[in-house]
Amino acid sequence: MKQYQVVFHLSEESIDDVKFALNNILNLLNDLGSEKVDVELLVNGPAVKAFKAEGEEISGLLDQVLEQGVDLALCNNALKKYDLSPDIMRSEARVVPSGVGELVRRQTEGWAYIRP
């Protein structure tokens, strides 16, 4: 297990908000070192729309984050609400039953919670 565990929570779909969250993750990894921190980006609500496989506005930044081992978790409830199939989302994404449930699990496990 790594020394630090952090879950970033993203629910806003604005590209600026998504980029801000991804940059926050990169800043954290640069500060603490990716070898010392487990990071999960939990995406729910309208923000799931930004993580479609063809979403080019964030692809470069998201690639940088994923290359450092960040776990991308998408809320299945949000996918259903916005009629998005997991098949059209980024292939690296893991679908969780509910974003809120995932946050509760992580916080119960002692993960730090950040909502940029």
PDB file of N, CA and C in Angstrom:
ATOM      1  N   MET A   1       0.840  -1.184   0.000  1.00  0.00           N
ATOM      2  CA  MET A   1       0.000   0.000   0.000  1.00  0.00           C
ATOM      3  C   MET A   1       0.885   1.247   0.000  1.00  0.00           C
ATOM      4  N   LYS A   2       0.438   2.245  -0.726  1.00  0.00           N
ATOM      5  CA  LYS A   2       1.180   3.491  -0.803  1.00  0.00           C
ATOM      6  C   LYS A   2       0.923   4.326   0.445  1.00  0.00           C
ATOM      7  N   GLN A   3       1.762   5.318   0.641  1.00  0.00           N
ATOM      8  CA  GLN A   3       1.709   6.145   1.840  1.00  0.00           C
ATOM      9  C   GLN A   3       0.457   7.016   1.910  1.00  0.00           C
ATOM     10  N   TYR A   4      -0.028   7.472   0.766  1.00  0.00           N
ATOM     11  CA  TYR A   4      -1.195   8.354   0.724  1.00  0.00           C
ATOM     12  C   TYR A   4      -2.255   7.765  -0.202  1.00  0.00           C
ATOM     13  N   GLN A   5      -3.512   8.053   0.124  1.00  0.00           N
ATOM     14  CA  GLN A   5      -4.635   7.641  -0.712  1.00  0.00           C
ATOM     15  C   GLN A   5      -5.611   8.811  -0.791  1.00  0.00           C
ATOM     16  N   VAL A   6      -5.932   9.211  -2.026  1.00  0.00           N
ATOM     17  CA  VAL A   6      -6.750  10.400  -2.231  1.00  0.00           C
ATOM     18  C   VAL A   6      -7.804  10.120  -3.296  1.00  0.00           C
ATOM     19  N   VAL A   7      -9.037  10.511  -2.993  1.00  0.00           N
ATOM     20  CA  VAL A   7     -10.096  10.450  -3.997  1.00  0.00           C
ATOM     21  C   VAL A   7     -10.490  11.881  -4.350  1.00  0.00           C
ATOM     22  N   PHE A   8     -10.415  12.193  -5.647  1.00  0.00           N
ATOM     23  CA  PHE A   8     -10.864  13.475  -6.169  1.00  0.00           C
ATOM     24  C   PHE A   8     -12.282  13.278  -6.675  1.00  0.00           C
ATOM     25  N   HIS A   9     -13.180  14.180  -6.325  1.00  0.00           N
ATOM     26  CA  HIS A   9     -14.591  14.064  -6.689  1.00  0.00           C
ATOM     27  C   HIS A   9     -14.929  15.157  -7.688  1.00  0.00           C
ATOM     28  N   LEU A  10     -15.411  14.752  -8.853  1.00  0.00           N
ATOM     29  CA  LEU A  10     -15.758  15.693  -9.906  1.00  0.00           C
ATOM     30  C   LEU A  10     -17.191  15.440 -10.348  1.00  0.00           C
ATOM     31  N   SER A  11     -18.035  16.475 -10.269  1.00  0.00           N
ATOM     32  CA  SER A  11     -19.419  16.321 -10.716  1.00  0.00           C
ATOM     33  C   SER A  11     -19.849  17.397 -11.718  1.00  0.00           C
ATOM     34  N   GLU A  12     -19.066  18.454 -11.875  1.00  0.00           N
ATOM     35  CA  GLU A  12     -19.419  19.522 -12.812  1.00  0.00           C
ATOM     36  C   GLU A  12     -18.914  19.173 -14.205  1.00  0.00           C
ATOM     37  N   GLU A  13     -19.730  19.473 -15.226  1.00  0.00           N
ATOM     38  CA  GLU A  13     -19.349  19.094 -16.580  1.00  0.00           C
ATOM     39  C   GLU A  13     -18.577  20.162 -17.335  1.00  0.00           C
ATOM     40  N   SER A  14     -18.420  21.332 -16.781  1.00  0.00           N
ATOM     41  CA  SER A  14     -17.679  22.381 -17.470  1.00  0.00           C
ATOM     42  C   SER A  14     -16.255  21.901 -17.755  1.00  0.00           C
ATOM     43  N   ILE A  15     -15.803  22.099 -18.978  1.00  0.00           N
ATOM     44  CA  ILE A  15     -14.456  21.678 -19.364  1.00  0.00           C
ATOM     45  C   ILE A  15     -13.418  22.371 -18.488  1.00  0.00           C
ATOM     46  N   ASP A  16     -13.648  23.619 -18.119  1.00  0.00           N
ATOM     47  CA  ASP A  16     -12.716  24.313 -17.225  1.00  0.00           C
ATOM     48  C   ASP A  16     -12.629  23.614 -15.876  1.00  0.00           C
ATOM     49  N   ASP A  17     -13.769  23.156 -15.336  1.00  0.00           N
ATOM     50  CA  ASP A  17     -13.770  22.437 -14.062  1.00  0.00           C
ATOM     51  C   ASP A  17     -13.042  21.102 -14.191  1.00  0.00           C
ATOM     52  N   VAL A  18     -13.255  20.406 -15.296  1.00  0.00           N
ATOM     53  CA  VAL A  18     -12.591  19.119 -15.516  1.00  0.00           C
ATOM     54  C   VAL A  18     -11.076  19.325 -15.614  1.00  0.00           C
ATOM     55  N   LYS A  19     -10.665  20.321 -16.390  1.00  0.00           N
ATOM     56  CA  LYS A  19      -9.233  20.602 -16.531  1.00  0.00           C
ATOM     57  C   LYS A  19      -8.621  21.012 -15.194  1.00  0.00           C
ATOM     58  N   PHE A  20      -9.361  21.787 -14.425  1.00  0.00           N
ATOM     59  CA  PHE A  20      -8.875  22.213 -13.101  1.00  0.00           C
ATOM     60  C   PHE A  20      -8.625  20.993 -12.217  1.00  0.00           C
ATOM     61  N   ALA A  21      -9.573  20.051 -12.211  1.00  0.00           N
ATOM     62  CA  ALA A  21      -9.420  18.836 -11.401  1.00  0.00           C
ATOM     63  C   ALA A  21      -8.222  18.012 -11.870  1.00  0.00           C
ATOM     64  N   LEU A  22      -8.085  17.840 -13.175  1.00  0.00           N
ATOM     65  CA  LEU A  22      -6.963  17.059 -13.705  1.00  0.00           C
ATOM     66  C   LEU A  22      -5.630  17.721 -13.379  1.00  0.00           C
ATOM     67  N   ASN A  23      -5.575  19.039 -13.475  1.00  0.00           N
ATOM     68  CA  ASN A  23      -4.347  19.747 -13.107  1.00  0.00           C
ATOM     69  C   ASN A  23      -4.055  19.630 -11.619  1.00  0.00           C
ATOM     70  N   ASN A  24      -5.095  19.641 -10.783  1.00  0.00           N
ATOM     71  CA  ASN A  24      -4.903  19.438  -9.344  1.00  0.00           C
ATOM     72  C   ASN A  24      -4.278  18.077  -9.077  1.00  0.00           C
ATOM     73  N   ILE A  25      -4.747  17.066  -9.784  1.00  0.00           N
ATOM     74  CA  ILE A  25      -4.195  15.717  -9.621  1.00  0.00           C
ATOM     75  C   ILE A  25      -2.724  15.699 -10.022  1.00  0.00           C
ATOM     76  N   LEU A  26      -2.408  16.302 -11.167  1.00  0.00           N
ATOM     77  CA  LEU A  26      -1.005  16.343 -11.601  1.00  0.00           C
ATOM     78  C   LEU A  26      -0.133  17.086 -10.596  1.00  0.00           C
ATOM     79  N   ASN A  27      -0.651  18.182 -10.051  1.00  0.00           N
ATOM     80  CA  ASN A  27       0.105  18.931  -9.042  1.00  0.00           C
ATOM     81  C   ASN A  27       0.377  18.068  -7.812  1.00  0.00           C
ATOM     82  N   LEU A  28      -0.622  17.310  -7.379  1.00  0.00           N
ATOM     83  CA  LEU A  28      -0.446  16.432  -6.229  1.00  0.00           C
ATOM     84  C   LEU A  28       0.601  15.362  -6.518  1.00  0.00           C
ATOM     85  N   LEU A  29       0.514  14.739  -7.675  1.00  0.00           N
ATOM     86  CA  LEU A  29       1.463  13.685  -8.036  1.00  0.00           C
ATOM     87  C   LEU A  29       2.877  14.234  -8.168  1.00  0.00           C
ATOM     88  N   ASN A  30       3.003  15.449  -8.680  1.00  0.00           N
ATOM     89  CA  ASN A  30       4.326  16.069  -8.775  1.00  0.00           C
ATOM     90  C   ASN A  30       4.891  16.385  -7.399  1.00  0.00           C
ATOM     91  N   ASP A  31       4.016  16.765  -6.479  1.00  0.00           N
ATOM     92  CA  ASP A  31       4.446  17.117  -5.127  1.00  0.00           C
ATOM     93  C   ASP A  31       4.818  15.884  -4.312  1.00  0.00           C
ATOM     94  N   LEU A  32       3.916  14.916  -4.235  1.00  0.00           N
ATOM     95  CA  LEU A  32       4.125  13.741  -3.381  1.00  0.00           C
ATOM     96  C   LEU A  32       4.846  12.604  -4.080  1.00  0.00           C
ATOM     97  N   GLY A  33       4.767  12.557  -5.402  1.00  0.00           N
ATOM     98  CA  GLY A  33       5.362  11.470  -6.167  1.00  0.00           C
ATOM     99  C   GLY A  33       4.346  10.369  -6.401  1.00  0.00           C
ATOM    100  N   SER A  34       4.188   9.973  -7.655  1.00  0.00           N
ATOM    101  CA  SER A  34       3.173   8.971  -7.985  1.00  0.00           C
ATOM    102  C   SER A  34       3.438   7.630  -7.323  1.00  0.00           C
ATOM    103  N   GLU A  35       4.674   7.384  -6.946  1.00  0.00           N
ATOM    104  CA  GLU A  35       4.996   6.125  -6.262  1.00  0.00           C
ATOM    105  C   GLU A  35       4.534   6.118  -4.803  1.00  0.00           C
ATOM    106  N   LYS A  36       4.147   7.268  -4.280  1.00  0.00           N
ATOM    107  CA  LYS A  36       3.737   7.364  -2.878  1.00  0.00           C
ATOM    108  C   LYS A  36       2.244   7.582  -2.676  1.00  0.00           C
ATOM    109  N   VAL A  37       1.503   7.760  -3.758  1.00  0.00           N
ATOM    110  CA  VAL A  37       0.089   8.108  -3.589  1.00  0.00           C
ATOM    111  C   VAL A  37      -0.795   7.335  -4.574  1.00  0.00           C
ATOM    112  N   ASP A  38      -1.869   6.779  -4.035  1.00  0.00           N
ATOM    113  CA  ASP A  38      -2.935   6.203  -4.854  1.00  0.00           C
ATOM    114  C   ASP A  38      -3.959   7.309  -5.062  1.00  0.00           C
ATOM    115  N   VAL A  39      -4.346   7.527  -6.312  1.00  0.00           N
ATOM    116  CA  VAL A  39      -5.322   8.567  -6.624  1.00  0.00           C
ATOM    117  C   VAL A  39      -6.463   7.942  -7.420  1.00  0.00           C
ATOM    118  N   GLU A  40      -7.664   8.244  -6.996  1.00  0.00           N
ATOM    119  CA  GLU A  40      -8.853   7.872  -7.752  1.00  0.00           C
ATOM    120  C   GLU A  40      -9.583   9.154  -8.116  1.00  0.00           C
ATOM    121  N   LEU A  41      -9.974   9.258  -9.380  1.00  0.00           N
ATOM    122  CA  LEU A  41     -10.824  10.348  -9.819  1.00  0.00           C
ATOM    123  C   LEU A  41     -12.216   9.778  -9.969  1.00  0.00           C
ATOM    124  N   LEU A  42     -13.098  10.144  -9.035  1.00  0.00           N
ATOM    125  CA  LEU A  42     -14.480   9.669  -9.055  1.00  0.00           C
ATOM    126  C   LEU A  42     -15.326  10.721  -9.761  1.00  0.00           C
ATOM    127  N   VAL A  43     -15.979  10.314 -10.852  1.00  0.00           N
ATOM    128  CA  VAL A  43     -16.762  11.231 -11.669  1.00  0.00           C
ATOM    129  C   VAL A  43     -18.228  10.815 -11.611  1.00  0.00           C
ATOM    130  N   ASN A  44     -19.082  11.756 -11.218  1.00  0.00           N
ATOM    131  CA  ASN A  44     -20.517  11.486 -11.227  1.00  0.00           C
ATOM    132  C   ASN A  44     -21.260  12.710 -11.734  1.00  0.00           C
ATOM    133  N   GLY A  45     -22.584  12.603 -11.768  1.00  0.00           N
ATOM    134  CA  GLY A  45     -23.388  13.720 -12.256  1.00  0.00           C
ATOM    135  C   GLY A  45     -23.045  14.041 -13.705  1.00  0.00           C
ATOM    136  N   PRO A  46     -23.317  15.277 -14.110  1.00  0.00           N
ATOM    137  CA  PRO A  46     -23.113  15.654 -15.509  1.00  0.00           C
ATOM    138  C   PRO A  46     -21.657  15.568 -15.963  1.00  0.00           C
ATOM    139  N   ALA A  47     -20.715  15.519 -15.038  1.00  0.00           N
ATOM    140  CA  ALA A  47     -19.300  15.461 -15.417  1.00  0.00           C
ATOM    141  C   ALA A  47     -18.958  14.207 -16.216  1.00  0.00           C
ATOM    142  N   VAL A  48     -19.752  13.132 -16.083  1.00  0.00           N
ATOM    143  CA  VAL A  48     -19.434  11.907 -16.835  1.00  0.00           C
ATOM    144  C   VAL A  48     -19.423  12.164 -18.337  1.00  0.00           C
ATOM    145  N   LYS A  49     -20.174  13.154 -18.793  1.00  0.00           N
ATOM    146  CA  LYS A  49     -20.246  13.454 -20.231  1.00  0.00           C
ATOM    147  C   LYS A  49     -18.883  13.814 -20.815  1.00  0.00           C
ATOM    148  N   ALA A  50     -17.999  14.355 -20.003  1.00  0.00           N
ATOM    149  CA  ALA A  50     -16.678  14.783 -20.471  1.00  0.00           C
ATOM    150  C   ALA A  50     -15.716  13.623 -20.701  1.00  0.00           C
ATOM    151  N   PHE A  51     -16.094  12.422 -20.274  1.00  0.00           N
ATOM    152  CA  PHE A  51     -15.162  11.301 -20.317  1.00  0.00           C
ATOM    153  C   PHE A  51     -15.501  10.265 -21.392  1.00  0.00           C
ATOM    154  N   LYS A  52     -16.176  10.740 -22.438  1.00  0.00           N
ATOM    155  CA  LYS A  52     -16.423   9.885 -23.596  1.00  0.00           C
ATOM    156  C   LYS A  52     -15.093   9.611 -24.293  1.00  0.00           C
ATOM    157  N   ALA A  53     -14.988   8.477 -24.937  1.00  0.00           N
ATOM    158  CA  ALA A  53     -13.748   8.098 -25.608  1.00  0.00           C
ATOM    159  C   ALA A  53     -13.312   9.131 -26.644  1.00  0.00           C
ATOM    160  N   GLU A  54     -14.271   9.754 -27.344  1.00  0.00           N
ATOM    161  CA  GLU A  54     -13.885  10.713 -28.384  1.00  0.00           C
ATOM    162  C   GLU A  54     -13.709  12.125 -27.846  1.00  0.00           C
ATOM    163  N   GLY A  55     -13.796  12.326 -26.547  1.00  0.00           N
ATOM    164  CA  GLY A  55     -13.673  13.661 -25.963  1.00  0.00           C
ATOM    165  C   GLY A  55     -12.269  14.214 -26.078  1.00  0.00           C
ATOM    166  N   GLU A  56     -12.047  15.036 -27.084  1.00  0.00           N
ATOM    167  CA  GLU A  56     -10.702  15.535 -27.377  1.00  0.00           C
ATOM    168  C   GLU A  56     -10.298  16.736 -26.532  1.00  0.00           C
ATOM    169  N   GLU A  57     -11.247  17.431 -25.963  1.00  0.00           N
ATOM    170  CA  GLU A  57     -10.905  18.646 -25.214  1.00  0.00           C
ATOM    171  C   GLU A  57     -10.038  18.365 -23.998  1.00  0.00           C
ATOM    172  N   ILE A  58     -10.181  17.188 -23.423  1.00  0.00           N
ATOM    173  CA  ILE A  58      -9.401  16.871 -22.225  1.00  0.00           C
ATOM    174  C   ILE A  58      -8.463  15.688 -22.431  1.00  0.00           C
ATOM    175  N   SER A  59      -8.431  15.100 -23.623  1.00  0.00           N
ATOM    176  CA  SER A  59      -7.725  13.834 -23.820  1.00  0.00           C
ATOM    177  C   SER A  59      -6.241  13.912 -23.476  1.00  0.00           C
ATOM    178  N   GLY A  60      -5.547  14.970 -23.883  1.00  0.00           N
ATOM    179  CA  GLY A  60      -4.118  15.070 -23.586  1.00  0.00           C
ATOM    180  C   GLY A  60      -3.847  15.139 -22.100  1.00  0.00           C
ATOM    181  N   LEU A  61      -4.597  15.969 -21.414  1.00  0.00           N
ATOM    182  CA  LEU A  61      -4.436  16.124 -19.967  1.00  0.00           C
ATOM    183  C   LEU A  61      -4.841  14.847 -19.235  1.00  0.00           C
ATOM    184  N   LEU A  62      -5.935  14.239 -19.674  1.00  0.00           N
ATOM    185  CA  LEU A  62      -6.376  12.993 -19.059  1.00  0.00           C
ATOM    186  C   LEU A  62      -5.360  11.884 -19.286  1.00  0.00           C
ATOM    187  N   ASP A  63      -4.771  11.824 -20.472  1.00  0.00           N
ATOM    188  CA  ASP A  63      -3.729  10.822 -20.741  1.00  0.00           C
ATOM    189  C   ASP A  63      -2.570  10.969 -19.760  1.00  0.00           C
ATOM    190  N   GLN A  64      -2.152  12.204 -19.495  1.00  0.00           N
ATOM    191  CA  GLN A  64      -1.053  12.447 -18.540  1.00  0.00           C
ATOM    192  C   GLN A  64      -1.400  11.895 -17.158  1.00  0.00           C
ATOM    193  N   VAL A  65      -2.633  12.123 -16.739  1.00  0.00           N
ATOM    194  CA  VAL A  65      -3.082  11.660 -15.421  1.00  0.00           C
ATOM    195  C   VAL A  65      -3.128  10.136 -15.383  1.00  0.00           C
ATOM    196  N   LEU A  66      -3.712   9.534 -16.399  1.00  0.00           N
ATOM    197  CA  LEU A  66      -3.849   8.078 -16.424  1.00  0.00           C
ATOM    198  C   LEU A  66      -2.502   7.381 -16.535  1.00  0.00           C
ATOM    199  N   GLU A  67      -1.548   7.984 -17.243  1.00  0.00           N
ATOM    200  CA  GLU A  67      -0.208   7.407 -17.365  1.00  0.00           C
ATOM    201  C   GLU A  67       0.497   7.322 -16.018  1.00  0.00           C
ATOM    202  N   GLN A  68       0.059   8.105 -15.054  1.00  0.00           N
ATOM    203  CA  GLN A  68       0.667   8.079 -13.725  1.00  0.00           C
ATOM    204  C   GLN A  68      -0.084   7.148 -12.777  1.00  0.00           C
ATOM    205  N   GLY A  69      -0.983   6.351 -13.325  1.00  0.00           N
ATOM    206  CA  GLY A  69      -1.642   5.325 -12.524  1.00  0.00           C
ATOM    207  C   GLY A  69      -2.910   5.749 -11.814  1.00  0.00           C
ATOM    208  N   VAL A  70      -3.465   6.881 -12.176  1.00  0.00           N
ATOM    209  CA  VAL A  70      -4.706   7.331 -11.552  1.00  0.00           C
ATOM    210  C   VAL A  70      -5.851   6.429 -11.996  1.00  0.00           C
ATOM    211  N   ASP A  71      -6.696   6.056 -11.046  1.00  0.00           N
ATOM    212  CA  ASP A  71      -7.861   5.216 -11.298  1.00  0.00           C
ATOM    213  C   ASP A  71      -9.041   6.121 -11.627  1.00  0.00           C
ATOM    214  N   LEU A  72      -9.597   5.958 -12.816  1.00  0.00           N
ATOM    215  CA  LEU A  72     -10.754   6.739 -13.249  1.00  0.00           C
ATOM    216  C   LEU A  72     -12.006   5.920 -12.993  1.00  0.00           C
ATOM    217  N   ALA A  73     -12.871   6.412 -12.094  1.00  0.00           N
ATOM    218  CA  ALA A  73     -14.104   5.708 -11.736  1.00  0.00           C
ATOM    219  C   ALA A  73     -15.306   6.548 -12.147  1.00  0.00           C
ATOM    220  N   LEU A  74     -16.187   5.950 -12.936  1.00  0.00           N
ATOM    221  CA  LEU A  74     -17.385   6.637 -13.409  1.00  0.00           C
ATOM    222  C   LEU A  74     -18.620   6.052 -12.746  1.00  0.00           C
ATOM    223  N   CYS A  75     -19.531   6.913 -12.335  1.00  0.00           N
ATOM    224  CA  CYS A  75     -20.774   6.521 -11.678  1.00  0.00           C
ATOM    225  C   CYS A  75     -21.749   5.914 -12.680  1.00  0.00           C
ATOM    226  N   ASN A  76     -22.178   4.693 -12.441  1.00  0.00           N
ATOM    227  CA  ASN A  76     -23.128   4.031 -13.328  1.00  0.00           C
ATOM    228  C   ASN A  76     -24.482   4.733 -13.323  1.00  0.00           C
ATOM    229  N   ASN A  77     -24.893   5.260 -12.180  1.00  0.00           N
ATOM    230  CA  ASN A  77     -26.171   5.980 -12.125  1.00  0.00           C
ATOM    231  C   ASN A  77     -26.149   7.192 -13.053  1.00  0.00           C
ATOM    232  N   ALA A  78     -25.038   7.913 -13.072  1.00  0.00           N
ATOM    233  CA  ALA A  78     -24.923   9.079 -13.956  1.00  0.00           C
ATOM    234  C   ALA A  78     -24.895   8.645 -15.422  1.00  0.00           C
ATOM    235  N   LEU A  79     -24.186   7.558 -15.703  1.00  0.00           N
ATOM    236  CA  LEU A  79     -24.162   7.067 -17.084  1.00  0.00           C
ATOM    237  C   LEU A  79     -25.577   6.750 -17.556  1.00  0.00           C
ATOM    238  N   LYS A  80     -26.340   6.089 -16.702  1.00  0.00           N
ATOM    239  CA  LYS A  80     -27.722   5.760 -17.060  1.00  0.00           C
ATOM    240  C   LYS A  80     -28.563   7.020 -17.237  1.00  0.00           C
ATOM    241  N   LYS A  81     -28.419   7.971 -16.315  1.00  0.00           N
ATOM    242  CA  LYS A  81     -29.219   9.198 -16.370  1.00  0.00           C
ATOM    243  C   LYS A  81     -28.998   9.948 -17.679  1.00  0.00           C
ATOM    244  N   TYR A  82     -27.757   9.969 -18.155  1.00  0.00           N
ATOM    245  CA  TYR A  82     -27.435  10.708 -19.374  1.00  0.00           C
ATOM    246  C   TYR A  82     -27.376   9.788 -20.599  1.00  0.00           C
ATOM    247  N   ASP A  83     -27.899   8.575 -20.439  1.00  0.00           N
ATOM    248  CA  ASP A  83     -28.013   7.617 -21.543  1.00  0.00           C
ATOM    249  C   ASP A  83     -26.671   7.379 -22.235  1.00  0.00           C
ATOM    250  N   LEU A  84     -25.638   7.149 -21.415  1.00  0.00           N
ATOM    251  CA  LEU A  84     -24.290   6.890 -21.912  1.00  0.00           C
ATOM    252  C   LEU A  84     -23.918   5.438 -21.633  1.00  0.00           C
ATOM    253  N   SER A  85     -23.536   4.732 -22.654  1.00  0.00           N
ATOM    254  CA  SER A  85     -23.102   3.350 -22.491  1.00  0.00           C
ATOM    255  C   SER A  85     -21.636   3.338 -22.032  1.00  0.00           C
ATOM    256  N   PRO A  86     -21.277   2.455 -21.111  1.00  0.00           N
ATOM    257  CA  PRO A  86     -19.869   2.338 -20.726  1.00  0.00           C
ATOM    258  C   PRO A  86     -18.950   2.080 -21.922  1.00  0.00           C
ATOM    259  N   ASP A  87     -19.495   1.494 -22.991  1.00  0.00           N
ATOM    260  CA  ASP A  87     -18.706   1.180 -24.177  1.00  0.00           C
ATOM    261  C   ASP A  87     -18.193   2.413 -24.916  1.00  0.00           C
ATOM    262  N   ILE A  88     -18.845   3.570 -24.738  1.00  0.00           N
ATOM    263  CA  ILE A  88     -18.397   4.772 -25.435  1.00  0.00           C
ATOM    264  C   ILE A  88     -17.536   5.671 -24.552  1.00  0.00           C
ATOM    265  N   MET A  89     -17.272   5.222 -23.336  1.00  0.00           N
ATOM    266  CA  MET A  89     -16.464   6.003 -22.409  1.00  0.00           C
ATOM    267  C   MET A  89     -14.994   5.608 -22.567  1.00  0.00           C
ATOM    268  N   ARG A  90     -14.119   6.366 -21.939  1.00  0.00           N
ATOM    269  CA  ARG A  90     -12.695   6.034 -21.993  1.00  0.00           C
ATOM    270  C   ARG A  90     -12.491   4.592 -21.548  1.00  0.00           C
ATOM    271  N   SER A  91     -11.686   3.865 -22.286  1.00  0.00           N
ATOM    272  CA  SER A  91     -11.481   2.443 -22.008  1.00  0.00           C
ATOM    273  C   SER A  91     -10.810   2.203 -20.654  1.00  0.00           C
ATOM    274  N   GLU A  92     -10.081   3.181 -20.151  1.00  0.00           N
ATOM    275  CA  GLU A  92      -9.401   3.038 -18.862  1.00  0.00           C
ATOM    276  C   GLU A  92     -10.356   3.172 -17.677  1.00  0.00           C
ATOM    277  N   ALA A  93     -11.564   3.636 -17.951  1.00  0.00           N
ATOM    278  CA  ALA A  93     -12.519   3.912 -16.872  1.00  0.00           C
ATOM    279  C   ALA A  93     -13.066   2.628 -16.269  1.00  0.00           C
ATOM    280  N   ARG A  94     -13.275   2.696 -14.988  1.00  0.00           N
ATOM    281  CA  ARG A  94     -13.938   1.631 -14.223  1.00  0.00           C
ATOM    282  C   ARG A  94     -15.300   2.183 -13.827  1.00  0.00           C
ATOM    283  N   VAL A  95     -16.341   1.420 -14.067  1.00  0.00           N
ATOM    284  CA  VAL A  95     -17.692   1.861 -13.719  1.00  0.00           C
ATOM    285  C   VAL A  95     -18.028   1.340 -12.326  1.00  0.00           C
ATOM    286  N   VAL A  96     -18.462   2.262 -11.454  1.00  0.00           N
ATOM    287  CA  VAL A  96     -18.871   1.899 -10.094  1.00  0.00           C
ATOM    288  C   VAL A  96     -20.384   2.044 -10.002  1.00  0.00           C
ATOM    289  N   PRO A  97     -21.041   1.260  -9.153  1.00  0.00           N
ATOM    290  CA  PRO A  97     -22.503   1.306  -9.076  1.00  0.00           C
ATOM    291  C   PRO A  97     -23.059   2.699  -8.802  1.00  0.00           C
ATOM    292  N   SER A  98     -22.465   3.400  -7.843  1.00  0.00           N
ATOM    293  CA  SER A  98     -22.903   4.764  -7.554  1.00  0.00           C
ATOM    294  C   SER A  98     -21.712   5.586  -7.082  1.00  0.00           C
ATOM    295  N   GLY A  99     -21.684   6.832  -7.512  1.00  0.00           N
ATOM    296  CA  GLY A  99     -20.593   7.712  -7.103  1.00  0.00           C
ATOM    297  C   GLY A  99     -20.596   7.961  -5.612  1.00  0.00           C
ATOM    298  N   VAL A 100     -21.763   8.187  -5.061  1.00  0.00           N
ATOM    299  CA  VAL A 100     -21.875   8.455  -3.624  1.00  0.00           C
ATOM    300  C   VAL A 100     -21.430   7.240  -2.817  1.00  0.00           C
ATOM    301  N   GLY A 101     -21.839   6.061  -3.239  1.00  0.00           N
ATOM    302  CA  GLY A 101     -21.408   4.834  -2.559  1.00  0.00           C
ATOM    303  C   GLY A 101     -19.904   4.666  -2.611  1.00  0.00           C
ATOM    304  N   GLU A 102     -19.305   4.959  -3.753  1.00  0.00           N
ATOM    305  CA  GLU A 102     -17.844   4.853  -3.896  1.00  0.00           C
ATOM    306  C   GLU A 102     -17.142   5.826  -2.959  1.00  0.00           C
ATOM    307  N   LEU A 103     -17.676   7.050  -2.853  1.00  0.00           N
ATOM    308  CA  LEU A 103     -17.073   8.025  -1.942  1.00  0.00           C
ATOM    309  C   LEU A 103     -17.165   7.565  -0.492  1.00  0.00           C
ATOM    310  N   VAL A 104     -18.285   7.008  -0.110  1.00  0.00           N
ATOM    311  CA  VAL A 104     -18.441   6.509   1.264  1.00  0.00           C
ATOM    312  C   VAL A 104     -17.445   5.379   1.522  1.00  0.00           C
ATOM    313  N   ARG A 105     -17.322   4.450   0.560  1.00  0.00           N
ATOM    314  CA  ARG A 105     -16.364   3.351   0.728  1.00  0.00           C
ATOM    315  C   ARG A 105     -14.951   3.884   0.899  1.00  0.00           C
ATOM    316  N   ARG A 106     -14.557   4.778   0.036  1.00  0.00           N
ATOM    317  CA  ARG A 106     -13.187   5.308   0.102  1.00  0.00           C
ATOM    318  C   ARG A 106     -12.941   6.070   1.402  1.00  0.00           C
ATOM    319  N   GLN A 107     -13.881   6.895   1.804  1.00  0.00           N
ATOM    320  CA  GLN A 107     -13.670   7.654   3.033  1.00  0.00           C
ATOM    321  C   GLN A 107     -13.651   6.739   4.249  1.00  0.00           C
ATOM    322  N   THR A 108     -14.457   5.690   4.243  1.00  0.00           N
ATOM    323  CA  THR A 108     -14.438   4.719   5.337  1.00  0.00           C
ATOM    324  C   THR A 108     -13.086   4.006   5.401  1.00  0.00           C
ATOM    325  N   GLU A 109     -12.463   3.816   4.231  1.00  0.00           N
ATOM    326  CA  GLU A 109     -11.148   3.188   4.161  1.00  0.00           C
ATOM    327  C   GLU A 109     -10.028   4.153   4.528  1.00  0.00           C
ATOM    328  N   GLY A 110     -10.351   5.423   4.789  1.00  0.00           N
ATOM    329  CA  GLY A 110      -9.350   6.381   5.207  1.00  0.00           C
ATOM    330  C   GLY A 110      -8.779   7.253   4.096  1.00  0.00           C
ATOM    331  N   TRP A 111      -9.357   7.185   2.909  1.00  0.00           N
ATOM    332  CA  TRP A 111      -8.871   8.009   1.815  1.00  0.00           C
ATOM    333  C   TRP A 111      -9.203   9.478   2.066  1.00  0.00           C
ATOM    334  N   ALA A 112      -8.269  10.363   1.716  1.00  0.00           N
ATOM    335  CA  ALA A 112      -8.517  11.797   1.774  1.00  0.00           C
ATOM    336  C   ALA A 112      -9.498  12.154   0.663  1.00  0.00           C
ATOM    337  N   TYR A 113     -10.344  13.140   0.904  1.00  0.00           N
ATOM    338  CA  TYR A 113     -11.363  13.558  -0.054  1.00  0.00           C
ATOM    339  C   TYR A 113     -11.053  14.975  -0.525  1.00  0.00           C
ATOM    340  N   ILE A 114     -10.985  15.143  -1.838  1.00  0.00           N
ATOM    341  CA  ILE A 114     -10.751  16.469  -2.417  1.00  0.00           C
ATOM    342  C   ILE A 114     -11.795  16.721  -3.492  1.00  0.00           C
ATOM    343  N   ARG A 115     -12.427  17.873  -3.381  1.00  0.00           N
ATOM    344  CA  ARG A 115     -13.387  18.300  -4.401  1.00  0.00           C
ATOM    345  C   ARG A 115     -12.864  19.627  -4.946  1.00  0.00           C
ATOM    346  N   PRO A 116     -12.115  19.566  -6.037  1.00  0.00           N
ATOM    347  CA  PRO A 116     -11.491  20.794  -6.558  1.00  0.00           C
ATOM    348  C   PRO A 116     -12.512  21.783  -7.099  1.00  0.00           C
TER     349      PRO A 116
END
